[in-house]
Amino acid sequence: MSEDPRYHVKVEPGQVGRYVLMPGDRDRVPRIAKHLDAARPVAENREYRTMTGTLDGVPVSVVSSGMGAPCITIGLEELRTAGVDTIIRIGTTGAVGAGPRLGDSIVALGAVRTEATSRAYIDLEYPAVADLDVVNALRDAARAAGAPHHVGIVESSDAYYAGAWLGTQADARAERMQRAGLLAIEMEASALFVVGRLHGMRTGCILTLREEMRPDGARVQAGPAFEAGLDRSIAVAVDAVRRLIRLDRQSS
């Protein structure tokens, strides 16, 4: 390992706030940062693009993670050495079955650990659970905004295209997971939750549904409904950070 504790993210202590909003897509960083006051670019290296501004006078950063559990975990590990203690992932996801609609927000309460990165840290029996204060802040912010949302369990997978390869085998598993209450599949939440908790960090995740499965089995993807939903999820995540700032001020 490099002696530089922030070799990949290329930030220094003082350049980022303790609160971080983390999209996967680096191009979404300015889209989120415009909700902050006086946001400015701080660093840009590989998949990690960072902007920092303020909310209610408190430094808050937006840092992209890239795709997958390894990348978000590297980002978490390096950001914590810069003083970050709260990370909210702002991601996108596909539905497992009929129910959630295109553009709806999904607040992940916990995640099925299909990805392998978190297993390198601790046994699979250890649960991937979001921080309760972060979940409550996201849920309350979504309710206050009147944003269509769902709170529940998602799955974090390493293999984006595995379903197409596995065919009916994947469909059968998806049906079982749907019956178990699984809302959607993405690629990062479980590693974020597990590694964050092992380090005593607060983590959470809000996802926007970019693929809806209709009751007849048809799939509807992306488009204006998704983009409008993503804007709602971003606003909800920003308000959740504002609520956490107030909570931390009351506790200090």
C-alpha atoms as a PDB file:
ATOM      1  CA  MET A   1       0.000   0.000   0.000  1.00  0.00           C
ATOM      2  CA  SER A   2       1.174   3.536  -0.738  1.00  0.00           C
ATOM      3  CA  GLU A   3       2.386   5.607   2.205  1.00  0.00           C
ATOM      4  CA  ASP A   4      -0.035   8.339   1.069  1.00  0.00           C
ATOM      5  CA  PRO A   5      -3.286   7.595   2.971  1.00  0.00           C
ATOM      6  CA  ARG A   6      -5.293   9.429   0.309  1.00  0.00           C
ATOM      7  CA  TYR A   7      -3.471   8.191  -2.773  1.00  0.00           C
ATOM      8  CA  HIS A   8      -6.627   7.805  -4.865  1.00  0.00           C
ATOM      9  CA  VAL A   9      -8.951  10.593  -3.696  1.00  0.00           C
ATOM     10  CA  LYS A  10      -6.158  13.218  -3.635  1.00  0.00           C
ATOM     11  CA  VAL A  11      -7.648  15.367  -0.870  1.00  0.00           C
ATOM     12  CA  GLU A  12      -6.083  16.750   2.277  1.00  0.00           C
ATOM     13  CA  PRO A  13      -7.603  17.198   5.742  1.00  0.00           C
ATOM     14  CA  GLY A  14      -9.464  20.488   5.741  1.00  0.00           C
ATOM     15  CA  GLN A  15     -10.430  20.214   2.075  1.00  0.00           C
ATOM     16  CA  VAL A  16     -13.491  18.075   2.767  1.00  0.00           C
ATOM     17  CA  GLY A  17     -16.272  18.279   5.332  1.00  0.00           C
ATOM     18  CA  ARG A  18     -17.153  15.547   7.782  1.00  0.00           C
ATOM     19  CA  TYR A  19     -20.364  15.039   5.773  1.00  0.00           C
ATOM     20  CA  VAL A  20     -20.035  13.584   2.256  1.00  0.00           C
ATOM     21  CA  LEU A  21     -22.642  13.004  -0.440  1.00  0.00           C
ATOM     22  CA  MET A  22     -21.359  10.262  -2.735  1.00  0.00           C
ATOM     23  CA  PRO A  23     -22.716   9.566  -6.226  1.00  0.00           C
ATOM     24  CA  GLY A  24     -21.162   6.879  -8.368  1.00  0.00           C
ATOM     25  CA  ASP A  25     -21.042   8.995 -11.526  1.00  0.00           C
ATOM     26  CA  ARG A  26     -18.382  11.709 -11.417  1.00  0.00           C
ATOM     27  CA  ASP A  27     -20.501  13.846 -13.765  1.00  0.00           C
ATOM     28  CA  ARG A  28     -23.207  14.037 -11.095  1.00  0.00           C
ATOM     29  CA  VAL A  29     -20.868  15.765  -8.632  1.00  0.00           C
ATOM     30  CA  PRO A  30     -21.636  19.326  -9.851  1.00  0.00           C
ATOM     31  CA  ARG A  31     -25.321  18.411 -10.162  1.00  0.00           C
ATOM     32  CA  ILE A  32     -25.340  17.686  -6.438  1.00  0.00           C
ATOM     33  CA  ALA A  33     -22.874  20.393  -5.392  1.00  0.00           C
ATOM     34  CA  LYS A  34     -25.095  23.149  -6.783  1.00  0.00           C
ATOM     35  CA  HIS A  35     -27.322  22.538  -3.754  1.00  0.00           C
ATOM     36  CA  LEU A  36     -24.455  23.625  -1.482  1.00  0.00           C
ATOM     37  CA  ASP A  37     -23.325  27.189  -0.796  1.00  0.00           C
ATOM     38  CA  ALA A  38     -20.130  28.366  -2.496  1.00  0.00           C
ATOM     39  CA  ALA A  39     -19.226  24.880  -3.762  1.00  0.00           C
ATOM     40  CA  ARG A  40     -15.817  24.671  -5.398  1.00  0.00           C
ATOM     41  CA  PRO A  41     -13.707  21.930  -6.986  1.00  0.00           C
ATOM     42  CA  VAL A  42     -11.179  20.419  -4.587  1.00  0.00           C
ATOM     43  CA  ALA A  43      -9.667  17.390  -6.285  1.00  0.00           C
ATOM     44  CA  GLU A  44     -10.065  15.128  -9.302  1.00  0.00           C
ATOM     45  CA  ASN A  45      -8.300  11.807  -9.770  1.00  0.00           C
ATOM     46  CA  ARG A  46      -9.452   8.603 -11.416  1.00  0.00           C
ATOM     47  CA  GLU A  47     -13.117   8.041 -10.499  1.00  0.00           C
ATOM     48  CA  TYR A  48     -12.920  10.352  -7.477  1.00  0.00           C
ATOM     49  CA  ARG A  49     -14.088  13.897  -8.203  1.00  0.00           C
ATOM     50  CA  THR A  50     -14.524  16.170  -5.181  1.00  0.00           C
ATOM     51  CA  MET A  51     -16.299  19.474  -4.602  1.00  0.00           C
ATOM     52  CA  THR A  52     -16.776  21.154  -1.221  1.00  0.00           C
ATOM     53  CA  GLY A  53     -19.252  23.815  -0.122  1.00  0.00           C
ATOM     54  CA  THR A  54     -21.323  24.493   2.969  1.00  0.00           C
ATOM     55  CA  LEU A  55     -24.783  23.817   4.373  1.00  0.00           C
ATOM     56  CA  ASP A  56     -25.928  26.046   7.231  1.00  0.00           C
ATOM     57  CA  GLY A  57     -22.327  27.204   7.495  1.00  0.00           C
ATOM     58  CA  VAL A  58     -20.946  23.669   7.867  1.00  0.00           C
ATOM     59  CA  PRO A  59     -18.517  22.183   5.296  1.00  0.00           C
ATOM     60  CA  VAL A  60     -20.092  19.443   3.180  1.00  0.00           C
ATOM     61  CA  SER A  61     -18.430  17.626   0.289  1.00  0.00           C
ATOM     62  CA  VAL A  62     -19.576  15.735  -2.781  1.00  0.00           C
ATOM     63  CA  VAL A  63     -17.237  12.924  -3.849  1.00  0.00           C
ATOM     64  CA  SER A  64     -17.862  10.454  -6.678  1.00  0.00           C
ATOM     65  CA  SER A  65     -17.073   6.809  -5.986  1.00  0.00           C
ATOM     66  CA  GLY A  66     -17.055   5.180  -9.387  1.00  0.00           C
ATOM     67  CA  MET A  67     -18.787   1.825  -9.878  1.00  0.00           C
ATOM     68  CA  GLY A  68     -18.727  -1.132  -7.541  1.00  0.00           C
ATOM     69  CA  ALA A  69     -17.893  -2.111  -3.990  1.00  0.00           C
ATOM     70  CA  PRO A  70     -14.075  -1.937  -4.300  1.00  0.00           C
ATOM     71  CA  CYS A  71     -14.165   1.669  -5.499  1.00  0.00           C
ATOM     72  CA  ILE A  72     -16.598   2.960  -2.884  1.00  0.00           C
ATOM     73  CA  THR A  73     -14.626   1.192  -0.155  1.00  0.00           C
ATOM     74  CA  ILE A  74     -11.335   2.746  -1.259  1.00  0.00           C
ATOM     75  CA  GLY A  75     -13.059   6.137  -1.222  1.00  0.00           C
ATOM     76  CA  LEU A  76     -14.442   5.544   2.273  1.00  0.00           C
ATOM     77  CA  GLU A  77     -11.120   4.309   3.661  1.00  0.00           C
ATOM     78  CA  GLU A  78      -9.206   7.317   2.331  1.00  0.00           C
ATOM     79  CA  LEU A  79     -11.844   9.946   3.154  1.00  0.00           C
ATOM     80  CA  ARG A  80     -12.018   8.834   6.778  1.00  0.00           C
ATOM     81  CA  THR A  81      -8.329   9.729   7.144  1.00  0.00           C
ATOM     82  CA  ALA A  82      -9.325  13.273   6.131  1.00  0.00           C
ATOM     83  CA  GLY A  83     -11.911  13.536   8.905  1.00  0.00           C
ATOM     84  CA  VAL A  84     -15.038  12.291   7.141  1.00  0.00           C
ATOM     85  CA  ASP A  85     -17.438  10.447   9.448  1.00  0.00           C
ATOM     86  CA  THR A  86     -20.755  10.514   7.543  1.00  0.00           C
ATOM     87  CA  ILE A  87     -21.332   9.306   3.978  1.00  0.00           C
ATOM     88  CA  ILE A  88     -24.626   9.157   2.094  1.00  0.00           C
ATOM     89  CA  ARG A  89     -24.529   7.347  -1.225  1.00  0.00           C
ATOM     90  CA  ILE A  90     -26.757   8.877  -3.935  1.00  0.00           C
ATOM     91  CA  GLY A  91     -27.133   6.144  -6.520  1.00  0.00           C
ATOM     92  CA  THR A  92     -29.347   4.595  -9.152  1.00  0.00           C
ATOM     93  CA  THR A  93     -30.860   1.143  -9.259  1.00  0.00           C
ATOM     94  CA  GLY A  94     -33.051  -1.332 -11.091  1.00  0.00           C
ATOM     95  CA  ALA A  95     -36.177  -2.898  -9.649  1.00  0.00           C
ATOM     96  CA  VAL A  96     -36.351  -6.581  -8.777  1.00  0.00           C
ATOM     97  CA  GLY A  97     -40.092  -6.786  -9.413  1.00  0.00           C
ATOM     98  CA  ALA A  98     -43.281  -4.806  -9.844  1.00  0.00           C
ATOM     99  CA  GLY A  99     -44.004  -2.178  -7.199  1.00  0.00           C
ATOM    100  CA  PRO A 100     -41.572   0.753  -7.139  1.00  0.00           C
ATOM    101  CA  ARG A 101     -42.128   3.132 -10.048  1.00  0.00           C
ATOM    102  CA  LEU A 102     -39.632   4.741 -12.371  1.00  0.00           C
ATOM    103  CA  GLY A 103     -38.061   7.727 -10.601  1.00  0.00           C
ATOM    104  CA  ASP A 104     -39.081   6.635  -7.087  1.00  0.00           C
ATOM    105  CA  SER A 105     -36.522   6.998  -4.312  1.00  0.00           C
ATOM    106  CA  ILE A 106     -35.419   3.946  -2.340  1.00  0.00           C
ATOM    107  CA  VAL A 107     -33.849   4.430   1.082  1.00  0.00           C
ATOM    108  CA  ALA A 108     -31.765   1.356   1.865  1.00  0.00           C
ATOM    109  CA  LEU A 109     -32.279   0.107   5.392  1.00  0.00           C
ATOM    110  CA  GLY A 110     -29.925  -2.799   4.783  1.00  0.00           C
ATOM    111  CA  ALA A 111     -28.379  -4.750   1.930  1.00  0.00           C
ATOM    112  CA  VAL A 112     -27.833  -8.341   0.853  1.00  0.00           C
ATOM    113  CA  ARG A 113     -24.060  -8.880   0.657  1.00  0.00           C
ATOM    114  CA  THR A 114     -23.661 -10.460  -2.778  1.00  0.00           C
ATOM    115  CA  GLU A 115     -20.571  -8.353  -3.479  1.00  0.00           C
ATOM    116  CA  ALA A 116     -17.229  -9.744  -2.381  1.00  0.00           C
ATOM    117  CA  THR A 117     -15.408  -6.685  -1.050  1.00  0.00           C
ATOM    118  CA  SER A 118     -17.058  -6.605   2.378  1.00  0.00           C
ATOM    119  CA  ARG A 119     -16.278 -10.317   2.804  1.00  0.00           C
ATOM    120  CA  ALA A 120     -12.582  -9.428   2.790  1.00  0.00           C
ATOM    121  CA  TYR A 121     -13.259  -7.405   5.958  1.00  0.00           C
ATOM    122  CA  ILE A 122     -15.563  -9.660   7.957  1.00  0.00           C
ATOM    123  CA  ASP A 123     -17.606 -12.856   7.761  1.00  0.00           C
ATOM    124  CA  LEU A 124     -20.694 -12.942   5.569  1.00  0.00           C
ATOM    125  CA  GLU A 125     -22.908 -13.451   8.634  1.00  0.00           C
ATOM    126  CA  TYR A 126     -22.188  -9.839   9.682  1.00  0.00           C
ATOM    127  CA  PRO A 127     -25.152  -7.732   8.550  1.00  0.00           C
ATOM    128  CA  ALA A 128     -24.953  -4.800   6.155  1.00  0.00           C
ATOM    129  CA  VAL A 129     -27.109  -2.193   7.906  1.00  0.00           C
ATOM    130  CA  ALA A 130     -27.305   1.554   7.374  1.00  0.00           C
ATOM    131  CA  ASP A 131     -26.908   3.970  10.282  1.00  0.00           C
ATOM    132  CA  LEU A 132     -30.297   4.576  11.926  1.00  0.00           C
ATOM    133  CA  ASP A 133     -29.868   8.353  12.219  1.00  0.00           C
ATOM    134  CA  VAL A 134     -29.056   8.555   8.502  1.00  0.00           C
ATOM    135  CA  VAL A 135     -32.011   6.342   7.545  1.00  0.00           C
ATOM    136  CA  ASN A 136     -34.348   8.463   9.669  1.00  0.00           C
ATOM    137  CA  ALA A 137     -32.961  11.692   8.204  1.00  0.00           C
ATOM    138  CA  LEU A 138     -33.473  10.404   4.648  1.00  0.00           C
ATOM    139  CA  ARG A 139     -36.960   9.103   5.382  1.00  0.00           C
ATOM    140  CA  ASP A 140     -38.041  12.302   7.133  1.00  0.00           C
ATOM    141  CA  ALA A 141     -36.609  14.440   4.335  1.00  0.00           C
ATOM    142  CA  ALA A 142     -38.451  12.377   1.711  1.00  0.00           C
ATOM    143  CA  ARG A 143     -41.700  12.671   3.633  1.00  0.00           C
ATOM    144  CA  ALA A 144     -41.282  16.421   4.054  1.00  0.00           C
ATOM    145  CA  ALA A 145     -40.670  16.807   0.312  1.00  0.00           C
ATOM    146  CA  GLY A 146     -43.591  14.589  -0.638  1.00  0.00           C
ATOM    147  CA  ALA A 147     -41.166  12.496  -2.689  1.00  0.00           C
ATOM    148  CA  PRO A 148     -42.380   9.008  -3.688  1.00  0.00           C
ATOM    149  CA  HIS A 149     -40.112   6.685  -1.744  1.00  0.00           C
ATOM    150  CA  HIS A 150     -39.680   3.226  -0.260  1.00  0.00           C
ATOM    151  CA  VAL A 151     -37.607   2.098   2.732  1.00  0.00           C
ATOM    152  CA  GLY A 152     -36.284  -1.441   2.788  1.00  0.00           C
ATOM    153  CA  ILE A 153     -33.712  -3.991   1.713  1.00  0.00           C
ATOM    154  CA  VAL A 154     -31.648  -3.845  -1.480  1.00  0.00           C
ATOM    155  CA  GLU A 155     -29.025  -6.170  -2.908  1.00  0.00           C
ATOM    156  CA  SER A 156     -25.441  -5.193  -3.735  1.00  0.00           C
ATOM    157  CA  SER A 157     -23.965  -7.224  -6.576  1.00  0.00           C
ATOM    158  CA  ASP A 158     -20.587  -7.241  -8.300  1.00  0.00           C
ATOM    159  CA  ALA A 159     -21.874  -8.474 -11.671  1.00  0.00           C
ATOM    160  CA  TYR A 160     -23.870  -5.868 -13.580  1.00  0.00           C
ATOM    161  CA  TYR A 161     -24.677  -8.125 -16.558  1.00  0.00           C
ATOM    162  CA  ALA A 162     -24.836 -11.502 -14.816  1.00  0.00           C
ATOM    163  CA  GLY A 163     -28.620 -11.749 -15.149  1.00  0.00           C
ATOM    164  CA  ALA A 164     -28.412 -11.676 -18.941  1.00  0.00           C
ATOM    165  CA  TRP A 165     -25.891 -14.531 -18.864  1.00  0.00           C
ATOM    166  CA  LEU A 166     -27.731 -16.661 -16.301  1.00  0.00           C
ATOM    167  CA  GLY A 167     -31.147 -16.233 -17.949  1.00  0.00           C
ATOM    168  CA  THR A 168     -33.978 -18.190 -16.283  1.00  0.00           C
ATOM    169  CA  GLN A 169     -31.741 -19.103 -13.348  1.00  0.00           C
ATOM    170  CA  ALA A 170     -31.372 -15.405 -12.517  1.00  0.00           C
ATOM    171  CA  ASP A 171     -35.109 -14.850 -13.023  1.00  0.00           C
ATOM    172  CA  ALA A 172     -35.926 -17.599 -10.523  1.00  0.00           C
ATOM    173  CA  ARG A 173     -33.592 -16.075  -7.945  1.00  0.00           C
ATOM    174  CA  ALA A 174     -35.036 -12.609  -8.543  1.00  0.00           C
ATOM    175  CA  GLU A 175     -38.519 -13.985  -7.913  1.00  0.00           C
ATOM    176  CA  ARG A 176     -37.393 -15.516  -4.600  1.00  0.00           C
ATOM    177  CA  MET A 177     -35.764 -12.260  -3.528  1.00  0.00           C
ATOM    178  CA  GLN A 178     -38.834 -10.295  -4.505  1.00  0.00           C
ATOM    179  CA  ARG A 179     -41.008 -12.566  -2.348  1.00  0.00           C
ATOM    180  CA  ALA A 180     -38.564 -11.878   0.496  1.00  0.00           C
ATOM    181  CA  GLY A 181     -39.200  -8.141   0.128  1.00  0.00           C
ATOM    182  CA  LEU A 182     -36.093  -7.093  -1.794  1.00  0.00           C
ATOM    183  CA  LEU A 183     -36.719  -3.740  -3.480  1.00  0.00           C
ATOM    184  CA  ALA A 184     -33.858  -3.326  -5.943  1.00  0.00           C
ATOM    185  CA  ILE A 185     -30.318  -4.264  -6.972  1.00  0.00           C
ATOM    186  CA  GLU A 186     -27.278  -1.966  -7.049  1.00  0.00           C
ATOM    187  CA  MET A 187     -23.528  -2.401  -6.542  1.00  0.00           C
ATOM    188  CA  GLU A 188     -22.187  -0.465  -3.555  1.00  0.00           C
ATOM    189  CA  ALA A 189     -24.473  -0.161  -0.509  1.00  0.00           C
ATOM    190  CA  SER A 190     -23.554  -3.311   1.406  1.00  0.00           C
ATOM    191  CA  ALA A 191     -19.816  -2.604   1.314  1.00  0.00           C
ATOM    192  CA  LEU A 192     -20.453   1.000   2.322  1.00  0.00           C
ATOM    193  CA  PHE A 193     -22.595  -0.108   5.273  1.00  0.00           C
ATOM    194  CA  VAL A 194     -20.274  -2.870   6.495  1.00  0.00           C
ATOM    195  CA  VAL A 195     -16.942  -1.083   6.187  1.00  0.00           C
ATOM    196  CA  GLY A 196     -18.399   2.164   7.474  1.00  0.00           C
ATOM    197  CA  ARG A 197     -19.783   0.455  10.557  1.00  0.00           C
ATOM    198  CA  LEU A 198     -16.506  -1.347  11.222  1.00  0.00           C
ATOM    199  CA  HIS A 199     -14.808   2.067  11.270  1.00  0.00           C
ATOM    200  CA  GLY A 200     -17.502   3.707  13.409  1.00  0.00           C
ATOM    201  CA  MET A 201     -18.772   5.871  10.544  1.00  0.00           C
ATOM    202  CA  ARG A 202     -22.369   6.787   9.744  1.00  0.00           C
ATOM    203  CA  THR A 203     -23.481   5.600   6.326  1.00  0.00           C
ATOM    204  CA  GLY A 204     -26.692   5.630   4.354  1.00  0.00           C
ATOM    205  CA  CYS A 205     -27.941   5.238   0.812  1.00  0.00           C
ATOM    206  CA  ILE A 206     -30.705   6.715  -1.309  1.00  0.00           C
ATOM    207  CA  LEU A 207     -31.279   5.282  -4.773  1.00  0.00           C
ATOM    208  CA  THR A 208     -33.381   6.416  -7.710  1.00  0.00           C
ATOM    209  CA  LEU A 209     -35.163   3.748  -9.696  1.00  0.00           C
ATOM    210  CA  ARG A 210     -34.001   3.930 -13.319  1.00  0.00           C
ATOM    211  CA  GLU A 211     -35.672   0.698 -14.444  1.00  0.00           C
ATOM    212  CA  GLU A 212     -39.260  -0.176 -13.577  1.00  0.00           C
ATOM    213  CA  MET A 213     -40.704  -3.657 -13.950  1.00  0.00           C
ATOM    214  CA  ARG A 214     -44.388  -3.608 -14.831  1.00  0.00           C
ATOM    215  CA  PRO A 215     -46.790  -6.347 -13.625  1.00  0.00           C
ATOM    216  CA  ASP A 216     -46.921  -7.745 -17.183  1.00  0.00           C
ATOM    217  CA  GLY A 217     -43.134  -8.235 -17.102  1.00  0.00           C
ATOM    218  CA  ALA A 218     -42.334  -5.262 -19.331  1.00  0.00           C
ATOM    219  CA  ARG A 219     -39.422  -3.031 -18.296  1.00  0.00           C
ATOM    220  CA  VAL A 220     -39.408   0.758 -18.593  1.00  0.00           C
ATOM    221  CA  GLN A 221     -36.053   2.493 -18.368  1.00  0.00           C
ATOM    222  CA  ALA A 222     -34.599   5.949 -17.670  1.00  0.00           C
ATOM    223  CA  GLY A 223     -36.051   8.981 -19.471  1.00  0.00           C
ATOM    224  CA  PRO A 224     -37.615  12.148 -17.997  1.00  0.00           C
ATOM    225  CA  ALA A 225     -39.304  10.340 -15.097  1.00  0.00           C
ATOM    226  CA  PHE A 226     -35.949   8.999 -13.954  1.00  0.00           C
ATOM    227  CA  GLU A 227     -34.175  12.365 -14.279  1.00  0.00           C
ATOM    228  CA  ALA A 228     -36.915  14.118 -12.299  1.00  0.00           C
ATOM    229  CA  GLY A 229     -36.710  11.396  -9.669  1.00  0.00           C
ATOM    230  CA  LEU A 230     -32.939  11.728  -9.437  1.00  0.00           C
ATOM    231  CA  ASP A 231     -33.321  15.456  -8.794  1.00  0.00           C
ATOM    232  CA  ARG A 232     -35.786  14.643  -6.002  1.00  0.00           C
ATOM    233  CA  SER A 233     -33.407  12.087  -4.457  1.00  0.00           C
ATOM    234  CA  ILE A 234     -30.555  14.595  -4.549  1.00  0.00           C
ATOM    235  CA  ALA A 235     -32.688  17.218  -2.807  1.00  0.00           C
ATOM    236  CA  VAL A 236     -33.756  14.642  -0.209  1.00  0.00           C
ATOM    237  CA  ALA A 237     -30.138  13.639   0.478  1.00  0.00           C
ATOM    238  CA  VAL A 238     -29.067  17.267   0.872  1.00  0.00           C
ATOM    239  CA  ASP A 239     -31.932  17.915   3.290  1.00  0.00           C
ATOM    240  CA  ALA A 240     -30.974  14.748   5.186  1.00  0.00           C
ATOM    241  CA  VAL A 241     -27.467  16.142   5.696  1.00  0.00           C
ATOM    242  CA  ARG A 242     -28.988  19.381   6.930  1.00  0.00           C
ATOM    243  CA  ARG A 243     -31.040  17.377   9.451  1.00  0.00           C
ATOM    244  CA  LEU A 244     -27.938  15.471  10.582  1.00  0.00           C
ATOM    245  CA  ILE A 245     -26.098  18.765  11.074  1.00  0.00           C
ATOM    246  CA  ARG A 246     -28.903  19.975  13.329  1.00  0.00           C
ATOM    247  CA  LEU A 247     -28.898  16.664  15.204  1.00  0.00           C
ATOM    248  CA  ASP A 248     -25.136  16.841  15.739  1.00  0.00           C
ATOM    249  CA  ARG A 249     -25.356  20.421  16.968  1.00  0.00           C
ATOM    250  CA  GLN A 250     -28.000  19.401  19.506  1.00  0.00           C
ATOM    251  CA  SER A 251     -25.829  16.506  20.679  1.00  0.00           C
ATOM    252  CA  SER A 252     -22.638  18.497  21.062  1.00  0.00           C
END
